[in-house]
Amino acid sequence: MVGSISIICVMLMFLGACSRKADSDAQRPVIFFAPQTISNVPDLYKPLYLGNLSAEKAEAFRAALPYESISLERSVGSSSNLFYRVAFHRSGQAEFDVYQPKDRHATGQIDLPTFARLCYALDASGFNDFQDQYRANLADNTTCIVAASTGKNQRTVTDYGAIGPIQLWTIEQLIDGIRERVDWKPVRQQ
């Protein structure tokens, strides 16, 4: 009985310590910040972990990102039989072109934190150190091409048969996952 009362008292003290009086004038968001979480994050990407950025700081952060655009193309068989292409731009613009079964084009938006995380994923995976091409000896496989442009240079990695490093596959899946979450608006054909 005494043990149960002690446990209840400890729980009440814990709940009391966790509760806080609401400030009716200004609610501030709770930001959980653990310095050990970002100790290994490159300085460029630390704003992703430090909370909300002002509009001015967000634009400076956007301009500092290393890639102007990141794109992915998927083909059936050889790379000349293009199935779809998706591209994300530093500006927030996104493009999606589907070529099979019929041509369709759409545009959308990608938010700054998502594009920045995509840049960080490319950097952390060693994208610039990948071979230019990975090729399986099998016929009629799929081809995936990931390209990242800095504005001055473009790095392209081709993966025929899905035999590239797991980091490349992760980037491919990440880009496709982002593509699936974009609210695409069809572009009328001229």
N, C-alpha and C. Protein backbone atom coordinates (compact mmCIF):
# COMPACT_ATOMS: atom_id res chain seq x y z
N MET A 1 0.83 -1.19 0.00
CA MET A 1 0.00 0.00 0.00
C MET A 1 0.87 1.25 0.00
N VAL A 2 1.89 1.28 0.85
CA VAL A 2 2.78 2.43 0.93
C VAL A 2 3.53 2.60 -0.39
N GLY A 3 3.93 1.47 -1.02
CA GLY A 3 4.62 1.53 -2.31
C GLY A 3 3.74 2.11 -3.39
N SER A 4 2.46 1.77 -3.39
CA SER A 4 1.53 2.30 -4.39
C SER A 4 1.34 3.79 -4.22
N ILE A 5 1.24 4.23 -2.96
CA ILE A 5 1.08 5.67 -2.68
C ILE A 5 2.33 6.42 -3.12
N SER A 6 3.49 5.84 -2.87
CA SER A 6 4.75 6.47 -3.28
C SER A 6 4.82 6.62 -4.80
N ILE A 7 4.41 5.58 -5.50
CA ILE A 7 4.43 5.64 -6.96
C ILE A 7 3.46 6.71 -7.47
N ILE A 8 2.30 6.79 -6.88
CA ILE A 8 1.32 7.81 -7.28
C ILE A 8 1.87 9.20 -7.01
N CYS A 9 2.51 9.40 -5.86
CA CYS A 9 3.08 10.71 -5.52
C CYS A 9 4.18 11.09 -6.50
N VAL A 10 5.03 10.14 -6.86
CA VAL A 10 6.11 10.41 -7.81
C VAL A 10 5.51 10.76 -9.18
N MET A 11 4.49 10.05 -9.59
CA MET A 11 3.84 10.33 -10.88
C MET A 11 3.22 11.72 -10.87
N LEU A 12 2.57 12.10 -9.78
CA LEU A 12 1.97 13.43 -9.69
C LEU A 12 3.04 14.52 -9.73
N MET A 13 4.15 14.29 -9.05
CA MET A 13 5.24 15.28 -9.07
C MET A 13 5.81 15.39 -10.49
N PHE A 14 5.94 14.25 -11.16
CA PHE A 14 6.45 14.26 -12.52
C PHE A 14 5.51 15.01 -13.45
N LEU A 15 4.22 14.74 -13.33
CA LEU A 15 3.24 15.44 -14.16
C LEU A 15 3.23 16.93 -13.85
N GLY A 16 3.37 17.27 -12.60
CA GLY A 16 3.41 18.69 -12.23
C GLY A 16 4.64 19.37 -12.79
N ALA A 17 5.77 18.68 -12.80
CA ALA A 17 6.99 19.26 -13.34
C ALA A 17 6.91 19.41 -14.85
N CYS A 18 6.19 18.50 -15.51
CA CYS A 18 6.07 18.54 -16.97
C CYS A 18 5.05 19.56 -17.45
N SER A 19 4.09 19.87 -16.60
CA SER A 19 3.07 20.84 -17.03
C SER A 19 3.64 22.24 -16.91
N ARG A 20 3.09 23.14 -17.72
CA ARG A 20 3.52 24.53 -17.64
C ARG A 20 2.32 25.42 -17.80
N LYS A 21 2.43 26.57 -17.25
CA LYS A 21 1.35 27.54 -17.34
C LYS A 21 1.36 28.15 -18.73
N ALA A 22 0.22 28.14 -19.37
CA ALA A 22 0.12 28.69 -20.73
C ALA A 22 0.13 30.20 -20.66
N ASP A 23 0.95 30.80 -21.51
CA ASP A 23 1.01 32.25 -21.62
C ASP A 23 -0.05 32.67 -22.63
N SER A 24 -1.06 33.37 -22.19
CA SER A 24 -2.18 33.71 -23.06
C SER A 24 -1.81 34.76 -24.09
N ASP A 25 -0.76 35.54 -23.86
CA ASP A 25 -0.40 36.58 -24.82
C ASP A 25 0.38 36.04 -26.02
N ALA A 26 1.32 35.16 -25.77
CA ALA A 26 2.14 34.67 -26.87
C ALA A 26 2.52 33.21 -26.63
N GLN A 27 2.01 32.36 -27.48
CA GLN A 27 2.39 30.96 -27.41
C GLN A 27 3.68 30.77 -28.21
N ARG A 28 4.65 30.15 -27.61
CA ARG A 28 5.90 29.88 -28.30
C ARG A 28 5.97 28.39 -28.60
N PRO A 29 6.43 28.05 -29.81
CA PRO A 29 6.54 26.62 -30.12
C PRO A 29 7.64 25.98 -29.27
N VAL A 30 7.43 24.76 -28.93
CA VAL A 30 8.44 24.02 -28.21
C VAL A 30 9.45 23.51 -29.22
N ILE A 31 10.70 23.84 -29.00
CA ILE A 31 11.75 23.38 -29.88
C ILE A 31 12.66 22.47 -29.08
N PHE A 32 12.72 21.23 -29.49
CA PHE A 32 13.60 20.29 -28.84
C PHE A 32 14.95 20.39 -29.53
N PHE A 33 15.95 20.71 -28.77
CA PHE A 33 17.28 20.89 -29.34
C PHE A 33 18.26 20.08 -28.53
N ALA A 34 18.88 19.16 -29.17
CA ALA A 34 19.90 18.35 -28.52
C ALA A 34 21.21 18.59 -29.26
N PRO A 35 22.14 19.33 -28.66
CA PRO A 35 23.39 19.64 -29.36
C PRO A 35 24.10 18.42 -29.93
N GLN A 36 24.01 17.28 -29.25
CA GLN A 36 24.67 16.09 -29.77
C GLN A 36 24.06 15.64 -31.09
N THR A 37 22.82 16.02 -31.35
CA THR A 37 22.16 15.64 -32.60
C THR A 37 22.85 16.28 -33.79
N ILE A 38 23.33 17.49 -33.64
CA ILE A 38 23.91 18.19 -34.79
C ILE A 38 25.42 18.34 -34.70
N SER A 39 26.05 17.67 -33.77
CA SER A 39 27.50 17.84 -33.63
C SER A 39 28.25 17.40 -34.88
N ASN A 40 27.74 16.43 -35.62
CA ASN A 40 28.41 15.96 -36.84
C ASN A 40 27.78 16.50 -38.11
N VAL A 41 26.82 17.41 -37.98
CA VAL A 41 26.16 17.99 -39.15
C VAL A 41 27.03 19.12 -39.68
N PRO A 42 27.32 19.13 -41.00
CA PRO A 42 28.09 20.24 -41.56
C PRO A 42 27.39 21.58 -41.29
N ASP A 43 28.18 22.62 -41.08
CA ASP A 43 27.63 23.94 -40.74
C ASP A 43 26.56 24.39 -41.72
N LEU A 44 26.75 24.09 -43.00
CA LEU A 44 25.78 24.49 -44.02
C LEU A 44 24.38 24.00 -43.70
N TYR A 45 24.26 22.78 -43.16
CA TYR A 45 22.96 22.17 -42.94
C TYR A 45 22.42 22.32 -41.52
N LYS A 46 23.15 22.95 -40.63
CA LYS A 46 22.70 23.10 -39.24
C LYS A 46 21.39 23.87 -39.11
N PRO A 47 21.11 24.87 -39.97
CA PRO A 47 19.81 25.55 -39.84
C PRO A 47 18.61 24.61 -39.93
N LEU A 48 18.76 23.45 -40.57
CA LEU A 48 17.66 22.48 -40.61
C LEU A 48 17.29 21.99 -39.22
N TYR A 49 18.23 22.02 -38.30
CA TYR A 49 18.05 21.44 -36.97
C TYR A 49 17.85 22.49 -35.88
N LEU A 50 18.00 23.75 -36.23
CA LEU A 50 17.97 24.79 -35.22
C LEU A 50 16.65 25.55 -35.12
N GLY A 51 15.63 25.10 -35.81
CA GLY A 51 14.33 25.75 -35.69
C GLY A 51 14.01 26.64 -36.86
N ASN A 52 12.98 27.44 -36.68
CA ASN A 52 12.47 28.30 -37.75
C ASN A 52 13.48 29.36 -38.15
N LEU A 53 13.54 29.63 -39.44
CA LEU A 53 14.39 30.68 -39.99
C LEU A 53 13.54 31.87 -40.38
N SER A 54 14.06 33.06 -40.16
CA SER A 54 13.36 34.25 -40.67
C SER A 54 13.40 34.20 -42.19
N ALA A 55 12.56 35.00 -42.83
CA ALA A 55 12.51 35.00 -44.29
C ALA A 55 13.87 35.38 -44.88
N GLU A 56 14.55 36.33 -44.27
CA GLU A 56 15.85 36.77 -44.75
C GLU A 56 16.89 35.64 -44.62
N LYS A 57 16.90 34.98 -43.47
CA LYS A 57 17.86 33.90 -43.24
C LYS A 57 17.51 32.69 -44.11
N ALA A 58 16.23 32.47 -44.37
CA ALA A 58 15.83 31.35 -45.22
C ALA A 58 16.36 31.55 -46.64
N GLU A 59 16.29 32.76 -47.15
CA GLU A 59 16.78 33.02 -48.50
C GLU A 59 18.30 32.89 -48.57
N ALA A 60 19.00 33.31 -47.52
CA ALA A 60 20.46 33.14 -47.48
C ALA A 60 20.81 31.65 -47.42
N PHE A 61 20.05 30.90 -46.63
CA PHE A 61 20.25 29.45 -46.53
C PHE A 61 20.01 28.79 -47.88
N ARG A 62 18.92 29.17 -48.54
CA ARG A 62 18.58 28.62 -49.87
C ARG A 62 19.72 28.89 -50.86
N ALA A 63 20.22 30.13 -50.87
CA ALA A 63 21.27 30.51 -51.82
C ALA A 63 22.58 29.76 -51.55
N ALA A 64 22.81 29.35 -50.31
CA ALA A 64 24.05 28.66 -49.96
C ALA A 64 24.02 27.16 -50.27
N LEU A 65 22.85 26.62 -50.57
CA LEU A 65 22.76 25.19 -50.85
C LEU A 65 23.60 24.85 -52.07
N PRO A 66 24.27 23.70 -52.07
CA PRO A 66 25.25 23.41 -53.12
C PRO A 66 24.67 23.06 -54.49
N TYR A 67 23.40 22.67 -54.54
CA TYR A 67 22.85 22.22 -55.82
C TYR A 67 21.76 23.17 -56.30
N GLU A 68 21.83 23.47 -57.59
CA GLU A 68 20.79 24.29 -58.23
C GLU A 68 19.57 23.43 -58.54
N SER A 69 19.83 22.17 -58.93
CA SER A 69 18.73 21.25 -59.22
C SER A 69 19.20 19.81 -59.01
N ILE A 70 18.23 18.95 -58.71
CA ILE A 70 18.48 17.52 -58.55
C ILE A 70 17.36 16.81 -59.30
N SER A 71 17.73 15.86 -60.16
CA SER A 71 16.70 15.21 -60.96
C SER A 71 16.92 13.70 -61.00
N LEU A 72 15.86 13.02 -61.38
CA LEU A 72 15.89 11.57 -61.53
C LEU A 72 15.10 11.21 -62.78
N GLU A 73 15.65 10.32 -63.59
CA GLU A 73 14.96 9.79 -64.76
C GLU A 73 14.90 8.28 -64.62
N ARG A 74 13.76 7.71 -64.97
CA ARG A 74 13.63 6.25 -64.99
C ARG A 74 13.23 5.84 -66.41
N SER A 75 13.92 4.81 -66.89
CA SER A 75 13.66 4.28 -68.23
C SER A 75 13.43 2.79 -68.13
N VAL A 76 12.67 2.29 -69.07
CA VAL A 76 12.46 0.85 -69.20
C VAL A 76 13.42 0.39 -70.28
N GLY A 77 14.24 -0.61 -69.97
CA GLY A 77 15.24 -1.06 -70.93
C GLY A 77 16.34 -0.04 -71.03
N SER A 78 16.67 0.36 -72.24
CA SER A 78 17.74 1.33 -72.44
C SER A 78 17.28 2.72 -72.01
N SER A 79 18.24 3.61 -71.81
CA SER A 79 17.90 4.96 -71.35
C SER A 79 17.15 5.77 -72.40
N SER A 80 17.06 5.26 -73.64
CA SER A 80 16.32 5.98 -74.68
C SER A 80 14.81 5.76 -74.57
N ASN A 81 14.38 4.82 -73.76
CA ASN A 81 12.96 4.51 -73.60
C ASN A 81 12.47 5.10 -72.27
N LEU A 82 12.48 6.42 -72.19
CA LEU A 82 12.20 7.15 -70.95
C LEU A 82 10.77 6.94 -70.47
N PHE A 83 10.64 6.63 -69.19
CA PHE A 83 9.34 6.42 -68.57
C PHE A 83 8.88 7.71 -67.87
N TYR A 84 9.72 8.27 -66.98
CA TYR A 84 9.40 9.56 -66.37
C TYR A 84 10.67 10.26 -65.93
N ARG A 85 10.51 11.57 -65.69
CA ARG A 85 11.60 12.42 -65.19
C ARG A 85 11.01 13.37 -64.17
N VAL A 86 11.72 13.52 -63.04
CA VAL A 86 11.31 14.48 -62.02
C VAL A 86 12.52 15.34 -61.69
N ALA A 87 12.29 16.64 -61.49
CA ALA A 87 13.38 17.56 -61.16
C ALA A 87 12.93 18.51 -60.06
N PHE A 88 13.81 18.71 -59.10
CA PHE A 88 13.57 19.66 -58.01
C PHE A 88 14.63 20.75 -58.11
N HIS A 89 14.19 21.99 -57.95
CA HIS A 89 15.09 23.13 -58.09
C HIS A 89 15.24 23.86 -56.76
N ARG A 90 16.40 24.48 -56.60
CA ARG A 90 16.69 25.25 -55.39
C ARG A 90 15.61 26.32 -55.14
N SER A 91 15.04 26.86 -56.19
CA SER A 91 14.02 27.90 -56.08
C SER A 91 12.73 27.40 -55.44
N GLY A 92 12.57 26.08 -55.39
CA GLY A 92 11.33 25.48 -54.88
C GLY A 92 10.46 24.92 -55.98
N GLN A 93 10.79 25.23 -57.22
CA GLN A 93 10.02 24.71 -58.35
C GLN A 93 10.31 23.23 -58.54
N ALA A 94 9.29 22.49 -58.92
CA ALA A 94 9.42 21.06 -59.21
C ALA A 94 8.74 20.76 -60.54
N GLU A 95 9.32 19.84 -61.28
CA GLU A 95 8.79 19.45 -62.59
C GLU A 95 8.65 17.93 -62.64
N PHE A 96 7.60 17.48 -63.26
CA PHE A 96 7.36 16.04 -63.39
C PHE A 96 6.84 15.77 -64.79
N ASP A 97 7.60 14.97 -65.54
CA ASP A 97 7.23 14.61 -66.91
C ASP A 97 7.09 13.11 -66.99
N VAL A 98 5.92 12.65 -67.42
CA VAL A 98 5.66 11.22 -67.63
C VAL A 98 5.56 11.02 -69.13
N TYR A 99 6.26 10.01 -69.63
CA TYR A 99 6.30 9.79 -71.07
C TYR A 99 5.57 8.54 -71.52
N GLN A 100 5.26 7.65 -70.59
CA GLN A 100 4.54 6.43 -70.94
C GLN A 100 3.44 6.21 -69.93
N PRO A 101 2.28 5.88 -70.27
CA PRO A 101 1.82 5.47 -71.59
C PRO A 101 1.59 6.65 -72.54
N LYS A 102 1.41 7.87 -72.00
CA LYS A 102 1.30 9.03 -72.88
C LYS A 102 1.98 10.20 -72.18
N ASP A 103 2.36 11.20 -72.98
CA ASP A 103 3.07 12.36 -72.42
C ASP A 103 2.16 13.18 -71.51
N ARG A 104 2.64 13.44 -70.31
CA ARG A 104 1.96 14.33 -69.37
C ARG A 104 3.03 15.14 -68.65
N HIS A 105 2.74 16.41 -68.44
CA HIS A 105 3.69 17.30 -67.78
C HIS A 105 2.99 18.01 -66.64
N ALA A 106 3.71 18.17 -65.53
CA ALA A 106 3.13 18.82 -64.36
C ALA A 106 4.21 19.61 -63.63
N THR A 107 3.76 20.59 -62.87
CA THR A 107 4.67 21.37 -62.03
C THR A 107 4.15 21.37 -60.60
N GLY A 108 5.02 21.68 -59.69
CA GLY A 108 4.65 21.75 -58.29
C GLY A 108 5.71 22.52 -57.51
N GLN A 109 5.64 22.41 -56.21
CA GLN A 109 6.58 23.10 -55.33
C GLN A 109 7.19 22.12 -54.34
N ILE A 110 8.43 22.35 -54.00
CA ILE A 110 9.12 21.60 -52.96
C ILE A 110 9.57 22.61 -51.91
N ASP A 111 9.30 22.31 -50.65
CA ASP A 111 9.66 23.29 -49.62
C ASP A 111 11.16 23.29 -49.37
N LEU A 112 11.65 24.38 -48.80
CA LEU A 112 13.07 24.57 -48.58
C LEU A 112 13.69 23.47 -47.70
N PRO A 113 13.09 23.11 -46.56
CA PRO A 113 13.71 22.05 -45.75
C PRO A 113 13.84 20.72 -46.50
N THR A 114 12.87 20.39 -47.32
CA THR A 114 12.94 19.12 -48.07
C THR A 114 14.06 19.17 -49.10
N PHE A 115 14.16 20.27 -49.84
CA PHE A 115 15.24 20.38 -50.83
C PHE A 115 16.60 20.39 -50.13
N ALA A 116 16.70 21.09 -49.00
CA ALA A 116 17.97 21.13 -48.27
C ALA A 116 18.35 19.74 -47.76
N ARG A 117 17.39 18.98 -47.26
CA ARG A 117 17.67 17.62 -46.80
C ARG A 117 18.10 16.71 -47.97
N LEU A 118 17.51 16.94 -49.13
CA LEU A 118 17.91 16.18 -50.30
C LEU A 118 19.36 16.51 -50.67
N CYS A 119 19.73 17.78 -50.62
CA CYS A 119 21.12 18.18 -50.86
C CYS A 119 22.04 17.52 -49.85
N TYR A 120 21.65 17.56 -48.59
CA TYR A 120 22.44 16.96 -47.51
C TYR A 120 22.58 15.45 -47.73
N ALA A 121 21.52 14.79 -48.16
CA ALA A 121 21.58 13.35 -48.42
C ALA A 121 22.58 13.04 -49.54
N LEU A 122 22.59 13.85 -50.60
CA LEU A 122 23.56 13.64 -51.67
C LEU A 122 24.99 13.81 -51.15
N ASP A 123 25.21 14.87 -50.40
CA ASP A 123 26.54 15.12 -49.85
C ASP A 123 26.97 14.02 -48.89
N ALA A 124 26.08 13.62 -47.99
CA ALA A 124 26.42 12.62 -46.97
C ALA A 124 26.63 11.23 -47.58
N SER A 125 26.00 10.97 -48.72
CA SER A 125 26.12 9.65 -49.36
C SER A 125 27.37 9.52 -50.21
N GLY A 126 28.05 10.64 -50.45
CA GLY A 126 29.23 10.60 -51.32
C GLY A 126 28.86 10.59 -52.79
N PHE A 127 27.75 11.23 -53.14
CA PHE A 127 27.26 11.24 -54.52
C PHE A 127 28.35 11.64 -55.53
N ASN A 128 29.14 12.62 -55.19
CA ASN A 128 30.17 13.09 -56.12
C ASN A 128 31.31 12.08 -56.30
N ASP A 129 31.37 11.07 -55.44
CA ASP A 129 32.41 10.04 -55.55
C ASP A 129 31.92 8.77 -56.25
N PHE A 130 30.64 8.70 -56.59
CA PHE A 130 30.12 7.52 -57.29
C PHE A 130 30.75 7.43 -58.68
N GLN A 131 30.74 6.22 -59.23
CA GLN A 131 31.14 6.05 -60.62
C GLN A 131 30.10 6.75 -61.49
N ASP A 132 30.48 7.08 -62.71
CA ASP A 132 29.52 7.70 -63.63
C ASP A 132 28.43 6.72 -64.03
N GLN A 133 28.77 5.42 -64.06
CA GLN A 133 27.81 4.44 -64.55
C GLN A 133 27.99 3.10 -63.83
N TYR A 134 26.85 2.51 -63.48
CA TYR A 134 26.81 1.14 -62.95
C TYR A 134 25.93 0.37 -63.93
N ARG A 135 26.43 -0.78 -64.40
CA ARG A 135 25.69 -1.47 -65.45
C ARG A 135 25.69 -2.98 -65.22
N ALA A 136 24.49 -3.53 -65.15
CA ALA A 136 24.34 -4.98 -65.07
C ALA A 136 24.42 -5.54 -66.48
N ASN A 137 24.82 -6.78 -66.61
CA ASN A 137 24.94 -7.41 -67.92
C ASN A 137 23.62 -7.99 -68.41
N LEU A 138 22.56 -7.78 -67.65
CA LEU A 138 21.26 -8.31 -68.04
C LEU A 138 20.60 -7.41 -69.08
N ALA A 139 19.83 -8.02 -69.95
CA ALA A 139 19.09 -7.26 -70.96
C ALA A 139 17.72 -6.87 -70.41
N ASP A 140 17.14 -5.84 -70.96
CA ASP A 140 15.79 -5.37 -70.61
C ASP A 140 15.61 -5.05 -69.13
N ASN A 141 16.57 -4.41 -68.55
CA ASN A 141 16.48 -3.96 -67.18
C ASN A 141 16.04 -2.50 -67.17
N THR A 142 15.88 -1.96 -66.00
CA THR A 142 15.53 -0.54 -65.89
C THR A 142 16.79 0.28 -65.70
N THR A 143 16.69 1.53 -66.11
CA THR A 143 17.78 2.47 -65.95
C THR A 143 17.29 3.62 -65.09
N CYS A 144 18.10 4.02 -64.15
CA CYS A 144 17.80 5.19 -63.32
C CYS A 144 18.99 6.13 -63.42
N ILE A 145 18.71 7.38 -63.73
CA ILE A 145 19.76 8.39 -63.85
C ILE A 145 19.48 9.48 -62.84
N VAL A 146 20.44 9.72 -61.97
CA VAL A 146 20.35 10.80 -60.99
C VAL A 146 21.34 11.87 -61.42
N ALA A 147 20.87 13.11 -61.48
CA ALA A 147 21.73 14.23 -61.86
C ALA A 147 21.60 15.33 -60.84
N ALA A 148 22.73 15.94 -60.54
CA ALA A 148 22.75 17.08 -59.62
C ALA A 148 23.57 18.19 -60.27
N SER A 149 22.96 19.36 -60.38
CA SER A 149 23.60 20.49 -61.02
C SER A 149 23.94 21.57 -59.99
N THR A 150 25.16 22.08 -60.07
CA THR A 150 25.55 23.18 -59.20
C THR A 150 25.32 24.52 -59.89
N GLY A 151 24.87 24.49 -61.10
CA GLY A 151 24.70 25.70 -61.90
C GLY A 151 25.86 25.83 -62.88
N LYS A 152 27.07 25.48 -62.44
CA LYS A 152 28.25 25.51 -63.30
C LYS A 152 28.58 24.12 -63.84
N ASN A 153 28.37 23.13 -63.01
CA ASN A 153 28.69 21.74 -63.36
C ASN A 153 27.49 20.86 -63.10
N GLN A 154 27.45 19.74 -63.82
CA GLN A 154 26.41 18.75 -63.58
C GLN A 154 27.08 17.40 -63.38
N ARG A 155 26.64 16.70 -62.36
CA ARG A 155 27.13 15.36 -62.06
C ARG A 155 25.99 14.40 -62.35
N THR A 156 26.23 13.41 -63.20
CA THR A 156 25.21 12.44 -63.57
C THR A 156 25.71 11.03 -63.26
N VAL A 157 24.85 10.25 -62.62
CA VAL A 157 25.17 8.86 -62.30
C VAL A 157 24.07 7.98 -62.87
N THR A 158 24.45 7.02 -63.71
CA THR A 158 23.51 6.11 -64.35
C THR A 158 23.60 4.75 -63.68
N ASP A 159 22.43 4.20 -63.35
CA ASP A 159 22.36 2.89 -62.68
C ASP A 159 21.45 1.98 -63.52
N TYR A 160 22.07 1.13 -64.34
CA TYR A 160 21.32 0.20 -65.18
C TYR A 160 21.28 -1.14 -64.47
N GLY A 161 20.08 -1.59 -64.13
CA GLY A 161 19.93 -2.87 -63.46
C GLY A 161 19.98 -2.80 -61.95
N ALA A 162 19.94 -1.61 -61.40
CA ALA A 162 19.92 -1.41 -59.94
C ALA A 162 21.06 -2.13 -59.23
N ILE A 163 22.28 -1.94 -59.74
CA ILE A 163 23.43 -2.57 -59.10
C ILE A 163 24.39 -1.57 -58.47
N GLY A 164 24.01 -0.29 -58.48
CA GLY A 164 24.85 0.73 -57.85
C GLY A 164 24.90 0.55 -56.35
N PRO A 165 25.72 1.35 -55.68
CA PRO A 165 25.83 1.25 -54.22
C PRO A 165 24.50 1.54 -53.53
N ILE A 166 24.34 1.02 -52.33
CA ILE A 166 23.09 1.20 -51.58
C ILE A 166 22.80 2.68 -51.35
N GLN A 167 23.84 3.50 -51.24
CA GLN A 167 23.62 4.94 -51.06
C GLN A 167 22.95 5.55 -52.29
N LEU A 168 23.30 5.06 -53.48
CA LEU A 168 22.64 5.54 -54.70
C LEU A 168 21.19 5.11 -54.72
N TRP A 169 20.93 3.86 -54.38
CA TRP A 169 19.55 3.38 -54.31
C TRP A 169 18.75 4.21 -53.30
N THR A 170 19.36 4.55 -52.18
CA THR A 170 18.69 5.37 -51.17
C THR A 170 18.32 6.73 -51.73
N ILE A 171 19.23 7.34 -52.47
CA ILE A 171 18.94 8.64 -53.10
C ILE A 171 17.79 8.50 -54.10
N GLU A 172 17.82 7.45 -54.90
CA GLU A 172 16.75 7.23 -55.88
C GLU A 172 15.40 7.11 -55.18
N GLN A 173 15.36 6.33 -54.10
CA GLN A 173 14.12 6.14 -53.36
C GLN A 173 13.67 7.44 -52.68
N LEU A 174 14.62 8.20 -52.17
CA LEU A 174 14.30 9.48 -51.54
C LEU A 174 13.67 10.44 -52.54
N ILE A 175 14.25 10.54 -53.71
CA ILE A 175 13.70 11.42 -54.75
C ILE A 175 12.30 10.97 -55.14
N ASP A 176 12.11 9.67 -55.34
CA ASP A 176 10.78 9.16 -55.67
C ASP A 176 9.78 9.41 -54.54
N GLY A 177 10.23 9.28 -53.30
CA GLY A 177 9.34 9.54 -52.16
C GLY A 177 8.90 11.00 -52.11
N ILE A 178 9.83 11.90 -52.40
CA ILE A 178 9.48 13.33 -52.44
C ILE A 178 8.51 13.58 -53.59
N ARG A 179 8.79 12.96 -54.74
CA ARG A 179 7.91 13.10 -55.91
C ARG A 179 6.47 12.72 -55.57
N GLU A 180 6.32 11.66 -54.81
CA GLU A 180 4.98 11.20 -54.46
C GLU A 180 4.24 12.16 -53.53
N ARG A 181 4.96 13.00 -52.80
CA ARG A 181 4.32 13.92 -51.85
C ARG A 181 4.04 15.30 -52.43
N VAL A 182 4.57 15.60 -53.60
CA VAL A 182 4.35 16.91 -54.22
C VAL A 182 2.93 16.98 -54.76
N ASP A 183 2.29 18.14 -54.61
CA ASP A 183 0.97 18.38 -55.18
C ASP A 183 1.16 18.86 -56.62
N TRP A 184 1.09 17.95 -57.56
CA TRP A 184 1.38 18.25 -58.96
C TRP A 184 0.17 18.89 -59.65
N LYS A 185 0.44 19.91 -60.44
CA LYS A 185 -0.58 20.60 -61.23
C LYS A 185 -0.28 20.34 -62.72
N PRO A 186 -1.20 19.75 -63.45
CA PRO A 186 -0.96 19.47 -64.87
C PRO A 186 -0.67 20.75 -65.66
N VAL A 187 0.24 20.62 -66.62
CA VAL A 187 0.55 21.72 -67.51
C VAL A 187 -0.13 21.42 -68.83
N ARG A 188 -0.87 22.36 -69.32
CA ARG A 188 -1.59 22.17 -70.60
C ARG A 188 -0.63 22.11 -71.75
N GLN A 189 -0.88 21.17 -72.65
CA GLN A 189 -0.05 21.03 -73.85
C GLN A 189 -0.46 22.07 -74.87
N GLN A 190 0.51 22.64 -75.54
CA GLN A 190 0.25 23.66 -76.55
C GLN A 190 -0.16 23.04 -77.85
